[in-house]
């Protein structure tokens, strides 16, 4: 995933699948997973949210100099990309 010059580095599909499963198994009823890029650590992080409005906490990747920015957002159950 994210294997193009538009992204900082590729994300292993198996790691993304583990993140999806972790979000689905959580006792908190999450609906979305945000893929966040951490500029200082040079890695992707999962952030789980219950509503779309929580996505506004993160600037979009490439549009902000923030340490952490959102690369993409997915529905946890349909796995469709929403951002």
N, C-alpha and C. Protein backbone atom coordinates (compact mmCIF):
# COMPACT_ATOMS: atom_id res chain seq x y z
N UNK A 1 0.83 -1.17 0.00
CA UNK A 1 0.00 0.00 0.00
C UNK A 1 0.89 1.25 0.00
N UNK A 2 0.36 2.31 -0.58
CA UNK A 2 1.06 3.60 -0.62
C UNK A 2 2.43 3.48 -1.27
N UNK A 3 2.52 2.64 -2.27
CA UNK A 3 3.79 2.41 -2.95
C UNK A 3 3.88 3.31 -4.19
N UNK A 4 4.03 4.60 -3.94
CA UNK A 4 4.20 5.56 -5.03
C UNK A 4 4.97 6.76 -4.49
N UNK A 5 5.44 7.61 -5.38
CA UNK A 5 6.19 8.79 -4.92
C UNK A 5 5.33 9.80 -4.15
N UNK A 6 4.01 9.63 -4.18
CA UNK A 6 3.11 10.54 -3.46
C UNK A 6 3.12 10.31 -1.96
N UNK A 7 3.68 9.18 -1.53
CA UNK A 7 3.68 8.81 -0.11
C UNK A 7 5.12 8.65 0.37
N UNK A 8 5.32 8.81 1.69
CA UNK A 8 6.69 8.75 2.21
C UNK A 8 7.36 7.38 2.09
N UNK A 9 6.59 6.31 2.27
CA UNK A 9 7.13 4.96 2.08
C UNK A 9 5.97 3.98 2.00
N UNK A 10 6.21 2.78 1.50
CA UNK A 10 5.13 1.78 1.40
C UNK A 10 4.69 1.29 2.78
N UNK A 11 3.47 0.81 2.84
CA UNK A 11 2.94 0.20 4.05
C UNK A 11 2.64 -1.26 3.73
N UNK A 12 3.17 -2.16 4.56
CA UNK A 12 2.95 -3.59 4.34
C UNK A 12 1.46 -3.91 4.44
N UNK A 13 0.95 -4.62 3.47
CA UNK A 13 -0.47 -5.01 3.46
C UNK A 13 -0.81 -5.86 4.68
N UNK A 14 0.09 -6.73 5.09
CA UNK A 14 -0.16 -7.60 6.25
C UNK A 14 -0.29 -6.78 7.54
N UNK A 15 0.50 -5.72 7.66
CA UNK A 15 0.41 -4.85 8.83
C UNK A 15 -0.94 -4.12 8.83
N UNK A 16 -1.35 -3.62 7.68
CA UNK A 16 -2.64 -2.95 7.57
C UNK A 16 -3.78 -3.91 7.93
N UNK A 17 -3.70 -5.15 7.50
CA UNK A 17 -4.72 -6.16 7.83
C UNK A 17 -4.77 -6.40 9.34
N UNK A 18 -3.61 -6.45 9.99
CA UNK A 18 -3.58 -6.61 11.46
C UNK A 18 -4.25 -5.43 12.15
N UNK A 19 -3.97 -4.23 11.64
CA UNK A 19 -4.61 -3.04 12.21
C UNK A 19 -6.12 -3.11 12.09
N UNK A 20 -6.61 -3.55 10.93
CA UNK A 20 -8.06 -3.68 10.74
C UNK A 20 -8.65 -4.64 11.77
N UNK A 21 -8.01 -5.79 11.94
CA UNK A 21 -8.50 -6.78 12.89
C UNK A 21 -8.48 -6.26 14.32
N UNK A 22 -7.43 -5.54 14.68
CA UNK A 22 -7.36 -4.96 16.03
C UNK A 22 -8.50 -3.99 16.28
N UNK A 23 -8.80 -3.17 15.30
CA UNK A 23 -9.90 -2.22 15.43
C UNK A 23 -11.24 -2.89 15.54
N UNK A 24 -11.43 -3.96 14.79
CA UNK A 24 -12.70 -4.71 14.82
C UNK A 24 -12.90 -5.44 16.14
N UNK A 25 -11.81 -5.91 16.74
CA UNK A 25 -11.89 -6.67 18.00
C UNK A 25 -11.97 -5.79 19.23
N UNK A 26 -11.76 -4.51 19.07
CA UNK A 26 -11.75 -3.60 20.21
C UNK A 26 -13.11 -3.57 20.90
N UNK A 27 -13.13 -3.49 22.23
CA UNK A 27 -14.41 -3.36 22.94
C UNK A 27 -15.08 -2.01 22.67
N UNK A 28 -14.31 -1.03 22.22
CA UNK A 28 -14.86 0.27 21.83
C UNK A 28 -15.38 0.11 20.40
N UNK A 29 -16.60 0.54 20.12
CA UNK A 29 -17.17 0.33 18.78
C UNK A 29 -16.63 1.32 17.73
N UNK A 30 -15.42 1.08 17.29
CA UNK A 30 -14.82 1.94 16.28
C UNK A 30 -15.46 1.69 14.92
N UNK A 31 -15.49 2.73 14.09
CA UNK A 31 -16.04 2.61 12.75
C UNK A 31 -14.99 2.83 11.67
N UNK A 32 -13.94 3.59 12.02
CA UNK A 32 -12.95 3.98 11.01
C UNK A 32 -11.52 3.78 11.52
N UNK A 33 -10.63 3.58 10.56
CA UNK A 33 -9.20 3.55 10.86
C UNK A 33 -8.55 4.64 10.02
N UNK A 34 -7.74 5.45 10.68
CA UNK A 34 -6.97 6.48 10.00
C UNK A 34 -5.53 6.00 9.91
N UNK A 35 -4.94 6.13 8.76
CA UNK A 35 -3.52 5.81 8.60
C UNK A 35 -2.78 7.13 8.72
N UNK A 36 -1.99 7.24 9.77
CA UNK A 36 -1.28 8.46 10.11
C UNK A 36 0.21 8.29 9.83
N UNK A 37 0.81 9.30 9.23
CA UNK A 37 2.25 9.31 9.02
C UNK A 37 2.89 10.15 10.11
N UNK A 38 3.86 9.57 10.83
CA UNK A 38 4.61 10.30 11.85
C UNK A 38 5.95 10.68 11.25
N UNK A 39 6.13 11.96 11.02
CA UNK A 39 7.33 12.45 10.35
C UNK A 39 8.60 12.22 11.17
N UNK A 40 8.53 12.42 12.48
CA UNK A 40 9.72 12.25 13.31
C UNK A 40 10.16 10.80 13.43
N UNK A 41 9.19 9.91 13.60
CA UNK A 41 9.52 8.49 13.73
C UNK A 41 9.68 7.79 12.38
N UNK A 42 9.20 8.42 11.32
CA UNK A 42 9.32 7.84 9.98
C UNK A 42 8.52 6.57 9.81
N UNK A 43 7.30 6.54 10.40
CA UNK A 43 6.48 5.34 10.29
C UNK A 43 5.00 5.69 10.26
N UNK A 44 4.21 4.70 9.82
CA UNK A 44 2.75 4.83 9.82
C UNK A 44 2.20 4.35 11.16
N UNK A 45 1.10 4.95 11.58
CA UNK A 45 0.42 4.57 12.82
C UNK A 45 -1.07 4.44 12.56
N UNK A 46 -1.74 3.50 13.23
CA UNK A 46 -3.20 3.43 13.11
C UNK A 46 -3.86 4.28 14.19
N UNK A 47 -4.90 4.97 13.82
CA UNK A 47 -5.73 5.69 14.79
C UNK A 47 -7.17 5.27 14.49
N UNK A 48 -7.86 4.80 15.51
CA UNK A 48 -9.24 4.34 15.35
C UNK A 48 -10.20 5.42 15.83
N UNK A 49 -11.29 5.62 15.10
CA UNK A 49 -12.27 6.63 15.48
C UNK A 49 -13.68 6.05 15.39
N UNK A 50 -14.58 6.68 16.12
CA UNK A 50 -15.98 6.27 16.11
C UNK A 50 -16.80 7.10 15.14
N UNK A 51 -16.32 8.27 14.78
CA UNK A 51 -17.09 9.13 13.88
C UNK A 51 -16.17 9.85 12.91
N UNK A 52 -16.76 10.27 11.80
CA UNK A 52 -15.99 11.01 10.79
C UNK A 52 -15.48 12.34 11.32
N UNK A 53 -16.22 12.94 12.23
CA UNK A 53 -15.82 14.25 12.75
C UNK A 53 -14.47 14.18 13.47
N UNK A 54 -14.13 13.03 14.03
CA UNK A 54 -12.83 12.88 14.71
C UNK A 54 -11.66 12.93 13.73
N UNK A 55 -11.94 12.72 12.46
CA UNK A 55 -10.87 12.77 11.46
C UNK A 55 -10.30 14.17 11.32
N UNK A 56 -11.07 15.17 11.72
CA UNK A 56 -10.62 16.56 11.59
C UNK A 56 -9.49 16.92 12.55
N UNK A 57 -9.17 16.02 13.46
CA UNK A 57 -8.07 16.26 14.40
C UNK A 57 -6.71 16.24 13.70
N UNK A 58 -6.65 15.63 12.52
CA UNK A 58 -5.38 15.47 11.82
C UNK A 58 -5.40 16.23 10.50
N UNK A 59 -4.31 16.91 10.22
CA UNK A 59 -4.15 17.55 8.91
C UNK A 59 -3.89 16.47 7.88
N UNK A 60 -4.22 16.75 6.64
CA UNK A 60 -3.96 15.79 5.57
C UNK A 60 -2.47 15.78 5.22
N UNK A 61 -1.97 14.61 4.90
CA UNK A 61 -0.57 14.45 4.53
C UNK A 61 -0.26 15.33 3.31
N UNK A 62 0.86 16.03 3.37
CA UNK A 62 1.29 16.87 2.26
C UNK A 62 0.72 18.28 2.31
N UNK A 63 -0.24 18.51 3.21
CA UNK A 63 -0.87 19.83 3.28
C UNK A 63 -0.51 20.57 4.57
N UNK A 64 0.35 19.96 5.38
CA UNK A 64 0.66 20.55 6.67
C UNK A 64 2.06 20.14 7.12
N UNK A 65 2.74 21.02 7.85
CA UNK A 65 4.05 20.66 8.38
C UNK A 65 3.97 19.95 9.74
N UNK A 66 2.76 19.54 10.16
CA UNK A 66 2.60 18.87 11.45
C UNK A 66 3.42 17.59 11.53
N UNK A 67 3.78 17.21 12.76
CA UNK A 67 4.53 15.96 12.95
C UNK A 67 3.74 14.76 12.48
N UNK A 68 2.44 14.76 12.76
CA UNK A 68 1.58 13.64 12.37
C UNK A 68 0.49 14.14 11.43
N UNK A 69 0.33 13.44 10.32
CA UNK A 69 -0.69 13.83 9.35
C UNK A 69 -1.38 12.58 8.80
N UNK A 70 -2.63 12.76 8.39
CA UNK A 70 -3.45 11.65 7.92
C UNK A 70 -3.18 11.38 6.44
N UNK A 71 -2.80 10.14 6.16
CA UNK A 71 -2.54 9.72 4.79
C UNK A 71 -3.82 9.20 4.15
N UNK A 72 -4.62 8.47 4.92
CA UNK A 72 -5.86 7.89 4.39
C UNK A 72 -6.77 7.52 5.55
N UNK A 73 -8.04 7.32 5.22
CA UNK A 73 -9.03 6.85 6.20
C UNK A 73 -9.87 5.77 5.53
N UNK A 74 -10.17 4.72 6.31
CA UNK A 74 -10.92 3.59 5.79
C UNK A 74 -12.05 3.22 6.74
N UNK A 75 -13.13 2.71 6.17
CA UNK A 75 -14.18 2.11 6.98
C UNK A 75 -13.64 0.78 7.49
N UNK A 76 -13.76 0.54 8.79
CA UNK A 76 -13.19 -0.68 9.39
C UNK A 76 -13.82 -1.96 8.87
N UNK A 77 -15.08 -1.90 8.46
CA UNK A 77 -15.78 -3.14 8.11
C UNK A 77 -15.88 -3.37 6.62
N UNK A 78 -16.14 -2.33 5.85
CA UNK A 78 -16.19 -2.53 4.39
C UNK A 78 -14.80 -2.42 3.76
N UNK A 79 -13.86 -1.85 4.52
CA UNK A 79 -12.49 -1.62 4.09
C UNK A 79 -12.40 -0.64 2.92
N UNK A 80 -13.48 0.11 2.66
CA UNK A 80 -13.44 1.09 1.59
C UNK A 80 -12.73 2.34 2.07
N UNK A 81 -11.97 2.92 1.17
CA UNK A 81 -11.24 4.14 1.49
C UNK A 81 -12.21 5.31 1.43
N UNK A 82 -12.22 6.12 2.47
CA UNK A 82 -13.13 7.25 2.50
C UNK A 82 -12.40 8.58 2.38
N UNK A 83 -11.10 8.60 2.64
CA UNK A 83 -10.24 9.78 2.43
C UNK A 83 -8.88 9.34 1.96
